[in-house]
C-alpha atoms as a PDB file:
ATOM      1  CA  UNK A   1     -34.148 -22.776-159.487  1.00  0.00           C
ATOM      2  CA  UNK A   2     -32.214 -24.364-162.349  1.00  0.00           C
ATOM      3  CA  UNK A   3     -34.884 -27.055-162.680  1.00  0.00           C
ATOM      4  CA  UNK A   4     -37.700 -24.507-162.861  1.00  0.00           C
ATOM      5  CA  UNK A   5     -35.907 -22.434-165.482  1.00  0.00           C
ATOM      6  CA  UNK A   6     -35.022 -25.531-167.489  1.00  0.00           C
ATOM      7  CA  UNK A   7     -38.577 -26.831-167.478  1.00  0.00           C
ATOM      8  CA  UNK A   8     -39.886 -23.442-168.550  1.00  0.00           C
ATOM      9  CA  UNK A   9     -37.340 -23.189-171.366  1.00  0.00           C
ATOM     10  CA  UNK A  10     -38.315 -26.641-172.611  1.00  0.00           C
ATOM     11  CA  UNK A  11     -42.070 -25.978-172.360  1.00  0.00           C
ATOM     12  CA  UNK A  12     -41.911 -22.632-174.147  1.00  0.00           C
ATOM     13  CA  UNK A  13     -39.445 -23.942-176.741  1.00  0.00           C
ATOM     14  CA  UNK A  14     -41.756 -26.820-177.595  1.00  0.00           C
ATOM     15  CA  UNK A  15     -44.812 -24.537-177.680  1.00  0.00           C
ATOM     16  CA  UNK A  16     -42.907 -22.365-180.140  1.00  0.00           C
ATOM     17  CA  UNK A  17     -42.096 -25.382-182.295  1.00  0.00           C
ATOM     18  CA  UNK A  18     -38.344 -24.886-181.882  1.00  0.00           C
ATOM     19  CA  UNK A  19     -35.778 -27.639-181.695  1.00  0.00           C
ATOM     20  CA  UNK A  20     -32.939 -27.276-179.223  1.00  0.00           C
ATOM     21  CA  UNK A  21     -30.636 -26.605-182.171  1.00  0.00           C
ATOM     22  CA  UNK A  22     -32.822 -23.774-183.464  1.00  0.00           C
ATOM     23  CA  UNK A  23     -33.101 -22.186-180.026  1.00  0.00           C
ATOM     24  CA  UNK A  24     -29.341 -22.479-179.607  1.00  0.00           C
ATOM     25  CA  UNK A  25     -28.753 -20.694-182.923  1.00  0.00           C
ATOM     26  CA  UNK A  26     -31.218 -17.915-182.071  1.00  0.00           C
ATOM     27  CA  UNK A  27     -29.726 -17.440-178.596  1.00  0.00           C
ATOM     28  CA  UNK A  28     -26.138 -17.787-179.883  1.00  0.00           C
ATOM     29  CA  UNK A  29     -25.436 -20.725-177.572  1.00  0.00           C
ATOM     30  CA  UNK A  30     -24.541 -24.355-178.116  1.00  0.00           C
ATOM     31  CA  UNK A  31     -27.205 -27.047-178.376  1.00  0.00           C
ATOM     32  CA  UNK A  32     -25.553 -29.161-175.644  1.00  0.00           C
ATOM     33  CA  UNK A  33     -25.718 -26.136-173.309  1.00  0.00           C
ATOM     34  CA  UNK A  34     -29.453 -25.731-174.012  1.00  0.00           C
ATOM     35  CA  UNK A  35     -29.909 -29.436-173.302  1.00  0.00           C
ATOM     36  CA  UNK A  36     -28.069 -29.182-169.976  1.00  0.00           C
ATOM     37  CA  UNK A  37     -30.151 -26.137-169.008  1.00  0.00           C
ATOM     38  CA  UNK A  38     -33.403 -27.924-169.822  1.00  0.00           C
ATOM     39  CA  UNK A  39     -32.439 -30.953-167.741  1.00  0.00           C
ATOM     40  CA  UNK A  40     -31.339 -28.807-164.805  1.00  0.00           C
ATOM     41  CA  UNK A  41     -27.752 -30.029-165.045  1.00  0.00           C
ATOM     42  CA  UNK A  42     -26.453 -26.452-165.395  1.00  0.00           C
ATOM     43  CA  UNK A  43     -27.306 -23.282-163.528  1.00  0.00           C
ATOM     44  CA  UNK A  44     -28.126 -20.521-165.993  1.00  0.00           C
ATOM     45  CA  UNK A  45     -26.709 -17.042-165.593  1.00  0.00           C
ATOM     46  CA  UNK A  46     -28.957 -14.010-165.848  1.00  0.00           C
ATOM     47  CA  UNK A  47     -27.251 -13.202-169.148  1.00  0.00           C
ATOM     48  CA  UNK A  48     -28.067 -16.634-170.596  1.00  0.00           C
ATOM     49  CA  UNK A  49     -31.671 -16.500-169.367  1.00  0.00           C
ATOM     50  CA  UNK A  50     -32.004 -13.059-170.952  1.00  0.00           C
ATOM     51  CA  UNK A  51     -30.639 -14.307-174.295  1.00  0.00           C
ATOM     52  CA  UNK A  52     -32.902 -17.357-174.266  1.00  0.00           C
ATOM     53  CA  UNK A  53     -35.946 -15.273-173.355  1.00  0.00           C
ATOM     54  CA  UNK A  54     -35.181 -12.959-176.281  1.00  0.00           C
ATOM     55  CA  UNK A  55     -34.794 -15.907-178.651  1.00  0.00           C
ATOM     56  CA  UNK A  56     -38.119 -17.332-177.484  1.00  0.00           C
ATOM     57  CA  UNK A  57     -39.873 -13.958-177.604  1.00  0.00           C
ATOM     58  CA  UNK A  58     -40.854 -14.007-173.931  1.00  0.00           C
ATOM     59  CA  UNK A  59     -39.843 -11.970-170.914  1.00  0.00           C
ATOM     60  CA  UNK A  60     -37.340 -13.227-168.369  1.00  0.00           C
ATOM     61  CA  UNK A  61     -40.034 -13.538-165.689  1.00  0.00           C
ATOM     62  CA  UNK A  62     -41.758 -16.247-167.730  1.00  0.00           C
ATOM     63  CA  UNK A  63     -38.621 -18.376-167.560  1.00  0.00           C
ATOM     64  CA  UNK A  64     -38.156 -17.809-163.820  1.00  0.00           C
ATOM     65  CA  UNK A  65     -41.766 -18.380-162.776  1.00  0.00           C
ATOM     66  CA  UNK A  66     -42.592 -21.506-160.817  1.00  0.00           C
ATOM     67  CA  UNK A  67     -45.082 -23.534-162.898  1.00  0.00           C
ATOM     68  CA  UNK A  68     -47.278 -23.982-159.805  1.00  0.00           C
ATOM     69  CA  UNK A  69     -47.705 -20.196-159.674  1.00  0.00           C
ATOM     70  CA  UNK A  70     -48.789 -19.872-163.327  1.00  0.00           C
ATOM     71  CA  UNK A  71     -52.358 -18.956-164.116  1.00  0.00           C
ATOM     72  CA  UNK A  72     -52.891 -20.797-167.444  1.00  0.00           C
END
């Protein structure tokens, strides 16, 4: 699950034109933490996923969704 969430964070962050540092500031987290989430090295809590979703302007479900299940 951590890998799916991390990939979604990275994809949406890049689509939004945000750097990891900018996302970290908006979500009130550290940039190294965002990096570890994106690489799947850390398991995000629901609270952190909620904060990141808010910073990215998306709903939590978009960060949890398996990319194979997306209908782009």
